[in-house]
Amino acid sequence: MMRAWVLPFLLVLCGAFVAVGLVSGGSPGAAAAAAAGFVLLAVVHSPLFFPRSVSATEAARRSAADGRPVVFWRSGCPYCLRLRMRLGRDARRVHWVDIWRDPAGAEAVRAANEGDETVPTVLVSGRPHVNPDPAWVRAQVRRPPAGRMGRNGDRPRS
């Protein structure tokens, strides 16, 4: 669990050193801007930026019930960050599993990737997709679950 906070901590620490150097050089405004920038980077690379993670077991149960994808991710992964940012508001509709917090999630990722912990790995209808295009994942999130009917009893259009 602590692994997820190493990079954000290092970013804040670097920001503090840069800010102290800038203040001692007579640039308090630049120091404040640099410190704010490093804090923003730390937040974006922390687990706080992602929706609340659940266990792999719980994510599988929820996905079976609502048909939404499961995203296996880890803190500090630039590809996971890209997926999170490109999903925007739809990110809250996906089931997120932090492989650094959930050993079963890490095992599921290794099983799908020939022993590697390659993330993001997205599970859609039981099939793993490694580092998929964020637009494709968004389409899967917005797609109505199979078997659900529209208002007038017919299947929704794609």
Protein backbone atom coordinates (compact mmCIF):
# COMPACT_ATOMS: atom_id res chain seq x y z
CA MET A 1 0.00 0.00 0.00
CA MET A 2 2.89 2.37 0.73
CA ARG A 3 4.30 1.86 -2.79
CA ALA A 4 1.45 3.92 -4.20
CA TRP A 5 2.58 6.95 -2.19
CA VAL A 6 6.32 6.86 -2.93
CA LEU A 7 6.18 8.86 -6.17
CA PRO A 8 3.80 11.56 -4.81
CA PHE A 9 5.97 11.91 -1.71
CA LEU A 10 9.12 12.29 -3.83
CA LEU A 11 7.41 14.90 -6.01
CA VAL A 12 6.40 16.97 -2.97
CA LEU A 13 9.90 16.63 -1.54
CA CYS A 14 11.51 17.75 -4.82
CA GLY A 15 9.07 20.65 -4.99
CA ALA A 16 10.09 21.72 -1.49
CA PHE A 17 13.78 21.65 -2.41
CA VAL A 18 13.17 23.63 -5.61
CA ALA A 19 11.04 26.17 -3.72
CA VAL A 20 13.68 26.62 -1.00
CA GLY A 21 16.32 27.16 -3.68
CA LEU A 22 14.18 29.73 -5.48
CA VAL A 23 13.33 31.59 -2.24
CA SER A 24 16.98 31.75 -1.25
CA GLY A 25 17.74 33.08 -4.72
CA GLY A 26 15.24 35.91 -4.24
CA SER A 27 12.31 34.56 -6.29
CA PRO A 28 9.42 33.92 -3.90
CA GLY A 29 6.81 34.08 -6.67
CA ALA A 30 8.61 31.47 -8.76
CA ALA A 31 9.05 29.37 -5.61
CA ALA A 32 5.31 29.40 -4.95
CA ALA A 33 4.54 28.49 -8.57
CA ALA A 34 7.08 25.65 -8.56
CA ALA A 35 5.77 24.30 -5.24
CA ALA A 36 2.19 24.42 -6.53
CA GLY A 37 3.22 22.64 -9.72
CA PHE A 38 4.96 19.84 -7.84
CA VAL A 39 1.98 19.42 -5.50
CA LEU A 40 -0.34 19.19 -8.51
CA LEU A 41 1.90 16.53 -10.07
CA ALA A 42 1.89 14.64 -6.77
CA VAL A 43 -1.91 14.66 -6.59
CA VAL A 44 -2.28 13.51 -10.21
CA HIS A 45 0.14 10.62 -9.62
CA SER A 46 -1.46 9.57 -6.34
CA PRO A 47 -4.35 7.20 -5.68
CA LEU A 48 -6.45 10.29 -4.84
CA PHE A 49 -6.81 11.10 -8.55
CA PHE A 50 -8.48 7.79 -9.36
CA PRO A 51 -11.94 6.67 -8.30
CA ARG A 52 -12.04 4.47 -5.22
CA SER A 53 -10.53 1.04 -5.88
CA VAL A 54 -12.27 -2.19 -4.98
CA SER A 55 -10.94 -5.73 -4.72
CA ALA A 56 -10.73 -7.89 -7.84
CA THR A 57 -13.41 -10.18 -6.42
CA GLU A 58 -15.78 -7.29 -5.76
CA ALA A 59 -15.06 -5.75 -9.19
CA ALA A 60 -15.82 -9.08 -10.90
CA ARG A 61 -19.08 -9.38 -8.96
CA ARG A 62 -20.13 -5.83 -9.82
CA SER A 63 -19.11 -6.20 -13.47
CA ALA A 64 -21.17 -9.38 -13.78
CA ALA A 65 -24.17 -7.51 -12.38
CA ASP A 66 -23.92 -4.28 -14.38
CA GLY A 67 -21.77 -5.20 -17.41
CA ARG A 68 -19.26 -2.39 -16.83
CA PRO A 69 -15.54 -2.88 -17.51
CA VAL A 70 -12.96 -3.57 -14.81
CA VAL A 71 -9.71 -1.60 -15.03
CA PHE A 72 -6.62 -2.98 -13.31
CA TRP A 73 -4.21 -0.12 -12.60
CA ARG A 74 -1.38 1.03 -10.34
CA SER A 75 -0.26 4.39 -9.05
CA GLY A 76 2.45 6.15 -11.05
CA CYS A 77 1.62 4.38 -14.32
CA PRO A 78 1.51 6.99 -17.12
CA TYR A 79 -0.75 4.81 -19.26
CA CYS A 80 -3.22 4.39 -16.39
CA LEU A 81 -3.14 8.15 -15.88
CA ARG A 82 -3.80 8.72 -19.59
CA LEU A 83 -6.76 6.32 -19.48
CA ARG A 84 -8.14 8.00 -16.34
CA MET A 85 -7.86 11.48 -17.85
CA ARG A 86 -9.34 10.47 -21.22
CA LEU A 87 -12.31 8.75 -19.57
CA GLY A 88 -13.22 11.97 -17.77
CA ARG A 89 -16.53 11.63 -15.94
CA ASP A 90 -17.00 8.12 -17.31
CA ALA A 91 -14.13 6.97 -15.06
CA ARG A 92 -16.58 6.74 -12.17
CA ARG A 93 -18.65 4.21 -14.12
CA VAL A 94 -15.73 1.75 -14.34
CA HIS A 95 -14.65 -0.66 -11.60
CA TRP A 96 -11.03 0.18 -10.66
CA VAL A 97 -8.70 -2.38 -9.07
CA ASP A 98 -5.33 -1.17 -7.75
CA ILE A 99 -2.97 -4.11 -8.28
CA TRP A 100 -0.58 -2.77 -5.63
CA ARG A 101 -3.33 -2.99 -3.00
CA ASP A 102 -5.00 -6.20 -4.13
CA PRO A 103 -2.91 -9.36 -4.62
CA ALA A 104 -5.80 -11.09 -6.42
CA GLY A 105 -5.92 -8.19 -8.88
CA ALA A 106 -2.18 -8.45 -9.49
CA GLU A 107 -2.58 -12.19 -10.08
CA ALA A 108 -5.41 -11.59 -12.57
CA VAL A 109 -3.19 -9.15 -14.49
CA ARG A 110 -0.27 -11.59 -14.50
CA ALA A 111 -2.56 -14.35 -15.77
CA ALA A 112 -3.74 -12.14 -18.63
CA ASN A 113 -0.23 -10.92 -19.55
CA GLU A 114 1.95 -14.05 -19.50
CA GLY A 115 3.30 -13.29 -16.03
CA ASP A 116 3.80 -9.54 -16.47
CA GLU A 117 1.98 -6.90 -14.44
CA THR A 118 1.17 -4.73 -17.48
CA VAL A 119 -1.38 -2.06 -16.71
CA PRO A 120 -3.86 -0.79 -17.54
CA THR A 121 -5.47 -4.13 -18.25
CA VAL A 122 -9.18 -3.75 -18.93
CA LEU A 123 -11.54 -6.67 -18.45
CA VAL A 124 -14.65 -6.46 -20.66
CA SER A 125 -17.11 -9.36 -20.66
CA GLY A 126 -14.45 -11.57 -19.12
CA ARG A 127 -11.85 -10.83 -21.83
CA PRO A 128 -8.66 -8.92 -20.94
CA HIS A 129 -7.46 -6.03 -23.11
CA VAL A 130 -3.96 -4.71 -22.39
CA ASN A 131 -3.46 -0.94 -22.62
CA PRO A 132 -6.49 -0.39 -24.88
CA ASP A 133 -7.30 2.85 -26.62
CA PRO A 134 -9.13 5.13 -24.15
CA ALA A 135 -11.78 5.91 -26.79
CA TRP A 136 -12.54 2.19 -27.05
CA VAL A 137 -12.84 1.89 -23.26
CA ARG A 138 -15.18 4.91 -23.20
CA ALA A 139 -17.35 3.23 -25.84
CA GLN A 140 -17.49 0.08 -23.68
CA VAL A 141 -18.55 2.12 -20.67
CA ARG A 142 -21.32 3.87 -22.57
CA ARG A 143 -22.51 0.68 -24.27
CA PRO A 144 -25.71 -0.71 -22.75
CA PRO A 145 -25.23 -4.10 -21.08
CA ALA A 146 -26.09 -7.12 -23.23
CA GLY A 147 -29.61 -8.33 -22.83
CA ARG A 148 -31.08 -5.02 -21.65
CA MET A 149 -34.04 -3.71 -23.57
CA GLY A 150 -34.87 -0.16 -24.56
CA ARG A 151 -37.97 1.79 -23.47
CA ASN A 152 -40.23 0.37 -26.14
CA GLY A 153 -39.04 -3.24 -25.67
CA ASP A 154 -36.51 -3.39 -28.52
CA ARG A 155 -32.75 -3.65 -28.18
CA PRO A 156 -30.90 -0.31 -27.95
CA ARG A 157 -29.07 0.79 -31.07
CA SER A 158 -25.25 0.87 -31.09
